[in-house]
Amino acid sequence: MSTSPGPQRPSAAVYRRRRIVVLVLAVVVLALLIWGIVAGVRGVAGLFDKGNDKSTSAKASDAAKADPASSGTPTPAGANPDGTCPAGAVKITAATDKQSYGAKDKPVLLMKLKNSLDDPCTLDVGTKQQEFLITSGSDRIYSTKDCQADGKSTKLELEPGKEETARFTWDRERSQPKCEPVSVKPRAGTYTLKVTLGKLASKPVQFNLN
């Protein structure tokens, strides 16, 4: 009476090939995850452009000289132990890309940051920390915080002496807290811009709508 052979186990060579395939797939997945994380961070941090930006108004230049972060406040010697920027290390300046705007022009509002340390330091520059505020006299016209649905936190390394710039294009509409609708539009006249980033606050600068 003959018996049929049992199931054959894969050879050692087959096991090795399977292990190699699994290892290669794991490396590919890990590489994709790292690429996705880096791309996402760059996309959020892209709101700030590295390098000096000369397209500022004359008012903005005056504001930079009178910035509270540079008026009599001692500059820290270096970054905090965790690499973050200490208080007083970063200068913030408000500016616009032009001094006056025609009836159909949309003002480009600028937030400028400059690290006054001798070493790089990191700062949360995400939209969750930012505010572009426009007023006209005592009238509050517009704030980027009013309709912000999902503010982001983004850590950015600020190189010593380098300037980072965030831009926001204002569509010449009014806004109210909690994004309540406003039917009245801003008229021609002089407006004031102030920008803040967390506890950092700029001096106000003025621009005109024609």
C-alpha atoms as a PDB file:
ATOM      1  CA  MET A   1       0.000   0.000   0.000  1.00  0.00           C
ATOM      2  CA  SER A   2       1.557   3.268  -1.150  1.00  0.00           C
ATOM      3  CA  THR A   3       1.241   6.611   0.647  1.00  0.00           C
ATOM      4  CA  SER A   4       1.205  10.025  -1.023  1.00  0.00           C
ATOM      5  CA  PRO A   5       3.942  12.462   0.016  1.00  0.00           C
ATOM      6  CA  GLY A   6       2.952  15.339   2.367  1.00  0.00           C
ATOM      7  CA  PRO A   7       3.099  19.000   1.353  1.00  0.00           C
ATOM      8  CA  GLN A   8       6.596  20.169   0.578  1.00  0.00           C
ATOM      9  CA  ARG A   9       8.033  23.104   2.550  1.00  0.00           C
ATOM     10  CA  PRO A  10       9.528  25.974   0.548  1.00  0.00           C
ATOM     11  CA  SER A  11      13.270  25.795   0.175  1.00  0.00           C
ATOM     12  CA  ALA A  12      15.694  28.150   1.968  1.00  0.00           C
ATOM     13  CA  ALA A  13      16.213  30.053  -1.283  1.00  0.00           C
ATOM     14  CA  VAL A  14      12.476  30.765  -1.551  1.00  0.00           C
ATOM     15  CA  TYR A  15      12.425  32.055   2.043  1.00  0.00           C
ATOM     16  CA  ARG A  16      15.333  34.373   1.295  1.00  0.00           C
ATOM     17  CA  ARG A  17      13.611  35.787  -1.798  1.00  0.00           C
ATOM     18  CA  ARG A  18      10.427  36.426   0.210  1.00  0.00           C
ATOM     19  CA  ARG A  19      12.364  38.233   2.942  1.00  0.00           C
ATOM     20  CA  ILE A  20      14.104  40.427   0.334  1.00  0.00           C
ATOM     21  CA  VAL A  21      10.758  41.378  -1.268  1.00  0.00           C
ATOM     22  CA  VAL A  22       9.241  42.278   2.122  1.00  0.00           C
ATOM     23  CA  LEU A  23      12.315  44.355   3.043  1.00  0.00           C
ATOM     24  CA  VAL A  24      12.245  46.261  -0.264  1.00  0.00           C
ATOM     25  CA  LEU A  25       8.536  47.038   0.138  1.00  0.00           C
ATOM     26  CA  ALA A  26       9.134  48.305   3.687  1.00  0.00           C
ATOM     27  CA  VAL A  27      11.912  50.624   2.467  1.00  0.00           C
ATOM     28  CA  VAL A  28       9.690  51.999  -0.315  1.00  0.00           C
ATOM     29  CA  VAL A  29       6.802  52.672   2.095  1.00  0.00           C
ATOM     30  CA  LEU A  30       9.129  54.403   4.569  1.00  0.00           C
ATOM     31  CA  ALA A  31      10.602  56.583   1.817  1.00  0.00           C
ATOM     32  CA  LEU A  32       7.117  57.619   0.658  1.00  0.00           C
ATOM     33  CA  LEU A  33       6.097  58.524   4.212  1.00  0.00           C
ATOM     34  CA  ILE A  34       9.206  60.681   4.728  1.00  0.00           C
ATOM     35  CA  TRP A  35       8.701  62.417   1.366  1.00  0.00           C
ATOM     36  CA  GLY A  36       5.073  63.161   2.219  1.00  0.00           C
ATOM     37  CA  ILE A  37       5.947  64.686   5.579  1.00  0.00           C
ATOM     38  CA  VAL A  38       8.706  66.891   4.121  1.00  0.00           C
ATOM     39  CA  ALA A  39       6.497  68.012   1.228  1.00  0.00           C
ATOM     40  CA  GLY A  40       3.684  68.911   3.617  1.00  0.00           C
ATOM     41  CA  VAL A  41       5.954  71.000   5.842  1.00  0.00           C
ATOM     42  CA  ARG A  42       7.419  72.820   2.858  1.00  0.00           C
ATOM     43  CA  GLY A  43       3.950  73.539   1.537  1.00  0.00           C
ATOM     44  CA  VAL A  44       2.821  75.159   4.777  1.00  0.00           C
ATOM     45  CA  ALA A  45       6.094  77.022   5.376  1.00  0.00           C
ATOM     46  CA  GLY A  46       6.002  78.305   1.790  1.00  0.00           C
ATOM     47  CA  LEU A  47       3.924  81.205   3.039  1.00  0.00           C
ATOM     48  CA  PHE A  48       7.230  82.775   4.029  1.00  0.00           C
ATOM     49  CA  ASP A  49       9.730  83.596   1.277  1.00  0.00           C
ATOM     50  CA  LYS A  50      13.412  83.666   2.172  1.00  0.00           C
ATOM     51  CA  GLY A  51      15.538  86.657   1.315  1.00  0.00           C
ATOM     52  CA  ASN A  52      15.166  90.397   1.416  1.00  0.00           C
ATOM     53  CA  ASP A  53      12.091  91.904  -0.235  1.00  0.00           C
ATOM     54  CA  LYS A  54      12.499  95.474  -1.477  1.00  0.00           C
ATOM     55  CA  SER A  55       8.864  95.950  -2.606  1.00  0.00           C
ATOM     56  CA  THR A  56       7.769  97.810   0.513  1.00  0.00           C
ATOM     57  CA  SER A  57       6.139 101.177   0.985  1.00  0.00           C
ATOM     58  CA  ALA A  58       7.954 104.215   2.361  1.00  0.00           C
ATOM     59  CA  LYS A  59       5.804 103.965   5.471  1.00  0.00           C
ATOM     60  CA  ALA A  60       6.997 100.408   5.979  1.00  0.00           C
ATOM     61  CA  SER A  61      10.635 101.515   5.847  1.00  0.00           C
ATOM     62  CA  ASP A  62       9.961 104.085   8.572  1.00  0.00           C
ATOM     63  CA  ALA A  63       8.185 101.416  10.624  1.00  0.00           C
ATOM     64  CA  ALA A  64      11.189  99.107  10.376  1.00  0.00           C
ATOM     65  CA  LYS A  65      13.383 101.785  11.971  1.00  0.00           C
ATOM     66  CA  ALA A  66      10.894 102.283  14.797  1.00  0.00           C
ATOM     67  CA  ASP A  67      10.042  98.633  15.353  1.00  0.00           C
ATOM     68  CA  PRO A  68       9.518  97.974  19.091  1.00  0.00           C
ATOM     69  CA  ALA A  69      11.687  94.879  18.879  1.00  0.00           C
ATOM     70  CA  SER A  70      14.673  97.065  17.962  1.00  0.00           C
ATOM     71  CA  SER A  71      14.056 100.139  20.124  1.00  0.00           C
ATOM     72  CA  GLY A  72      16.044  99.883  23.334  1.00  0.00           C
ATOM     73  CA  THR A  73      15.388  96.171  23.942  1.00  0.00           C
ATOM     74  CA  PRO A  74      18.617  94.195  24.559  1.00  0.00           C
ATOM     75  CA  THR A  75      19.111  91.481  21.975  1.00  0.00           C
ATOM     76  CA  PRO A  76      19.613  87.974  23.434  1.00  0.00           C
ATOM     77  CA  ALA A  77      23.035  86.443  22.835  1.00  0.00           C
ATOM     78  CA  GLY A  78      21.757  83.218  21.293  1.00  0.00           C
ATOM     79  CA  ALA A  79      18.897  80.808  20.799  1.00  0.00           C
ATOM     80  CA  ASN A  80      17.194  79.038  23.680  1.00  0.00           C
ATOM     81  CA  PRO A  81      18.570  75.601  24.690  1.00  0.00           C
ATOM     82  CA  ASP A  82      15.809  73.943  22.639  1.00  0.00           C
ATOM     83  CA  GLY A  83      16.714  76.034  19.558  1.00  0.00           C
ATOM     84  CA  THR A  84      13.702  78.347  19.700  1.00  0.00           C
ATOM     85  CA  CYS A  85      13.961  82.121  19.349  1.00  0.00           C
ATOM     86  CA  PRO A  86      14.057  83.954  22.699  1.00  0.00           C
ATOM     87  CA  ALA A  87      11.954  87.043  23.391  1.00  0.00           C
ATOM     88  CA  GLY A  88      13.312  90.107  21.641  1.00  0.00           C
ATOM     89  CA  ALA A  89      15.346  88.137  19.099  1.00  0.00           C
ATOM     90  CA  VAL A  90      12.952  88.497  16.158  1.00  0.00           C
ATOM     91  CA  LYS A  91      11.924  91.834  14.649  1.00  0.00           C
ATOM     92  CA  ILE A  92       8.488  91.993  13.008  1.00  0.00           C
ATOM     93  CA  THR A  93       7.519  94.653  10.463  1.00  0.00           C
ATOM     94  CA  ALA A  94       4.267  95.407   8.647  1.00  0.00           C
ATOM     95  CA  ALA A  95       4.380  96.597   5.046  1.00  0.00           C
ATOM     96  CA  THR A  96       2.401  96.772   1.800  1.00  0.00           C
ATOM     97  CA  ASP A  97       3.640  96.193  -1.730  1.00  0.00           C
ATOM     98  CA  LYS A  98       2.507  99.705  -2.738  1.00  0.00           C
ATOM     99  CA  GLN A  99       1.615 102.944  -0.980  1.00  0.00           C
ATOM    100  CA  SER A 100      -1.572 103.632  -2.966  1.00  0.00           C
ATOM    101  CA  TYR A 101      -4.007 101.356  -4.803  1.00  0.00           C
ATOM    102  CA  GLY A 102      -6.351 102.040  -7.676  1.00  0.00           C
ATOM    103  CA  ALA A 103     -10.037 101.221  -7.521  1.00  0.00           C
ATOM    104  CA  LYS A 104      -9.473  97.719  -8.941  1.00  0.00           C
ATOM    105  CA  ASP A 105      -6.173  96.927  -7.211  1.00  0.00           C
ATOM    106  CA  LYS A 106      -5.966  94.414  -4.379  1.00  0.00           C
ATOM    107  CA  PRO A 107      -3.435  95.354  -1.688  1.00  0.00           C
ATOM    108  CA  VAL A 108      -0.720  92.825  -0.888  1.00  0.00           C
ATOM    109  CA  LEU A 109      -0.070  92.899   2.847  1.00  0.00           C
ATOM    110  CA  LEU A 110       3.358  91.864   4.108  1.00  0.00           C
ATOM    111  CA  MET A 111       4.617  90.458   7.392  1.00  0.00           C
ATOM    112  CA  LYS A 112       8.414  90.602   7.675  1.00  0.00           C
ATOM    113  CA  LEU A 113      10.482  88.712  10.248  1.00  0.00           C
ATOM    114  CA  LYS A 114      14.203  89.118  10.899  1.00  0.00           C
ATOM    115  CA  ASN A 115      16.402  87.140  13.280  1.00  0.00           C
ATOM    116  CA  SER A 116      18.775  89.534  15.065  1.00  0.00           C
ATOM    117  CA  LEU A 117      20.814  86.758  16.692  1.00  0.00           C
ATOM    118  CA  ASP A 118      24.196  85.474  15.539  1.00  0.00           C
ATOM    119  CA  ASP A 119      22.763  81.944  15.378  1.00  0.00           C
ATOM    120  CA  PRO A 120      19.681  80.403  13.735  1.00  0.00           C
ATOM    121  CA  CYS A 121      16.583  79.855  15.851  1.00  0.00           C
ATOM    122  CA  THR A 122      13.146  78.358  15.260  1.00  0.00           C
ATOM    123  CA  LEU A 123       9.808  80.133  15.535  1.00  0.00           C
ATOM    124  CA  ASP A 124       6.182  79.101  15.028  1.00  0.00           C
ATOM    125  CA  VAL A 125       5.179  81.123  11.962  1.00  0.00           C
ATOM    126  CA  GLY A 126       1.989  79.200  11.148  1.00  0.00           C
ATOM    127  CA  THR A 127      -1.310  80.844  10.238  1.00  0.00           C
ATOM    128  CA  LYS A 128      -2.589  80.005  13.720  1.00  0.00           C
ATOM    129  CA  GLN A 129      -0.140  82.603  15.073  1.00  0.00           C
ATOM    130  CA  GLN A 130      -0.583  85.225  12.337  1.00  0.00           C
ATOM    131  CA  GLU A 131      -2.931  88.171  12.111  1.00  0.00           C
ATOM    132  CA  PHE A 132      -3.152  90.886   9.460  1.00  0.00           C
ATOM    133  CA  LEU A 133      -5.371  93.620  10.913  1.00  0.00           C
ATOM    134  CA  ILE A 134      -6.692  96.600   8.925  1.00  0.00           C
ATOM    135  CA  THR A 135      -8.315  99.598  10.575  1.00  0.00           C
ATOM    136  CA  SER A 136      -9.436 103.072   9.560  1.00  0.00           C
ATOM    137  CA  GLY A 137      -9.323 105.401  12.525  1.00  0.00           C
ATOM    138  CA  SER A 138     -11.292 103.644  15.263  1.00  0.00           C
ATOM    139  CA  ASP A 139     -13.141 101.484  12.714  1.00  0.00           C
ATOM    140  CA  ARG A 140     -12.035  97.845  12.585  1.00  0.00           C
ATOM    141  CA  ILE A 141     -12.141  96.928   8.891  1.00  0.00           C
ATOM    142  CA  TYR A 142     -10.638  93.475   8.407  1.00  0.00           C
ATOM    143  CA  SER A 143      -8.761  90.700  10.232  1.00  0.00           C
ATOM    144  CA  THR A 144      -7.452  87.416   8.890  1.00  0.00           C
ATOM    145  CA  LYS A 145      -8.529  85.840  12.191  1.00  0.00           C
ATOM    146  CA  ASP A 146     -12.241  86.519  11.617  1.00  0.00           C
ATOM    147  CA  CYS A 147     -12.867  83.758   9.080  1.00  0.00           C
ATOM    148  CA  GLN A 148      -9.914  81.484   9.775  1.00  0.00           C
ATOM    149  CA  ALA A 149     -11.308  77.958   9.880  1.00  0.00           C
ATOM    150  CA  ASP A 150      -8.211  75.847  10.484  1.00  0.00           C
ATOM    151  CA  GLY A 151      -5.080  77.705  11.558  1.00  0.00           C
ATOM    152  CA  LYS A 152      -1.802  75.810  11.224  1.00  0.00           C
ATOM    153  CA  SER A 153       1.273  75.677  13.444  1.00  0.00           C
ATOM    154  CA  THR A 154       4.500  75.656  11.443  1.00  0.00           C
ATOM    155  CA  LYS A 155       8.012  75.774  12.877  1.00  0.00           C
ATOM    156  CA  LEU A 156      10.488  77.651  10.682  1.00  0.00           C
ATOM    157  CA  GLU A 157      14.213  78.073  11.211  1.00  0.00           C
ATOM    158  CA  LEU A 158      15.192  81.727  10.913  1.00  0.00           C
ATOM    159  CA  GLU A 159      18.744  82.236   9.734  1.00  0.00           C
ATOM    160  CA  PRO A 160      20.721  85.042  11.432  1.00  0.00           C
ATOM    161  CA  GLY A 161      20.352  88.388   9.661  1.00  0.00           C
ATOM    162  CA  LYS A 162      18.018  86.928   7.016  1.00  0.00           C
ATOM    163  CA  GLU A 163      14.504  88.224   6.408  1.00  0.00           C
ATOM    164  CA  GLU A 164      11.402  86.072   5.936  1.00  0.00           C
ATOM    165  CA  THR A 165       8.257  87.516   4.357  1.00  0.00           C
ATOM    166  CA  ALA A 166       4.631  86.333   4.481  1.00  0.00           C
ATOM    167  CA  ARG A 167       2.180  87.800   1.983  1.00  0.00           C
ATOM    168  CA  PHE A 168      -1.586  88.125   2.156  1.00  0.00           C
ATOM    169  CA  THR A 169      -3.704  89.583  -0.660  1.00  0.00           C
ATOM    170  CA  TRP A 170      -6.657  91.553   0.687  1.00  0.00           C
ATOM    171  CA  ASP A 171      -9.753  91.441  -1.516  1.00  0.00           C
ATOM    172  CA  ARG A 172     -10.951  94.823  -0.179  1.00  0.00           C
ATOM    173  CA  GLU A 173     -13.797  93.283   1.801  1.00  0.00           C
ATOM    174  CA  ARG A 174     -14.748  93.949   5.413  1.00  0.00           C
ATOM    175  CA  SER A 175     -14.908  91.171   8.008  1.00  0.00           C
ATOM    176  CA  GLN A 176     -16.308  90.625  11.476  1.00  0.00           C
ATOM    177  CA  PRO A 177     -15.485  88.193  14.291  1.00  0.00           C
ATOM    178  CA  LYS A 178     -16.939  84.696  13.820  1.00  0.00           C
ATOM    179  CA  CYS A 179     -17.081  85.466  10.072  1.00  0.00           C
ATOM    180  CA  GLU A 180     -20.458  87.146  10.272  1.00  0.00           C
ATOM    181  CA  PRO A 181     -21.507  88.658   6.923  1.00  0.00           C
ATOM    182  CA  VAL A 182     -20.819  92.333   6.176  1.00  0.00           C
ATOM    183  CA  SER A 183     -22.527  94.087   3.290  1.00  0.00           C
ATOM    184  CA  VAL A 184     -20.672  97.422   3.445  1.00  0.00           C
ATOM    185  CA  LYS A 185     -17.389  97.618   1.535  1.00  0.00           C
ATOM    186  CA  PRO A 186     -14.413  99.811   2.428  1.00  0.00           C
ATOM    187  CA  ARG A 187     -14.395 103.204   0.730  1.00  0.00           C
ATOM    188  CA  ALA A 188     -11.527 105.220  -0.694  1.00  0.00           C
ATOM    189  CA  GLY A 189      -9.308 106.659   2.019  1.00  0.00           C
ATOM    190  CA  THR A 190      -6.354 105.994   4.313  1.00  0.00           C
ATOM    191  CA  TYR A 191      -6.059 102.659   6.091  1.00  0.00           C
ATOM    192  CA  THR A 192      -3.732 101.269   8.735  1.00  0.00           C
ATOM    193  CA  LEU A 193      -2.127  97.809   8.762  1.00  0.00           C
ATOM    194  CA  LYS A 194      -0.760  96.070  11.824  1.00  0.00           C
ATOM    195  CA  VAL A 195       0.581  92.505  11.858  1.00  0.00           C
ATOM    196  CA  THR A 196       1.097  90.167  14.793  1.00  0.00           C
ATOM    197  CA  LEU A 197       2.700  86.754  15.186  1.00  0.00           C
ATOM    198  CA  GLY A 198       1.903  85.274  18.566  1.00  0.00           C
ATOM    199  CA  LYS A 199       3.257  87.812  21.065  1.00  0.00           C
ATOM    200  CA  LEU A 200       5.181  89.739  18.385  1.00  0.00           C
ATOM    201  CA  ALA A 201       3.465  92.922  17.203  1.00  0.00           C
ATOM    202  CA  SER A 202       4.529  95.415  14.547  1.00  0.00           C
ATOM    203  CA  LYS A 203       4.248  99.158  14.428  1.00  0.00           C
ATOM    204  CA  PRO A 204       1.251 100.259  12.295  1.00  0.00           C
ATOM    205  CA  VAL A 205       1.813 101.430   8.710  1.00  0.00           C
ATOM    206  CA  GLN A 206      -0.584 103.303   6.446  1.00  0.00           C
ATOM    207  CA  PHE A 207      -1.690 102.852   2.839  1.00  0.00           C
ATOM    208  CA  ASN A 208      -4.320 104.438   0.615  1.00  0.00           C
ATOM    209  CA  LEU A 209      -7.286 103.111  -1.349  1.00  0.00           C
ATOM    210  CA  ASN A 210      -8.339 105.291  -4.297  1.00  0.00           C
END
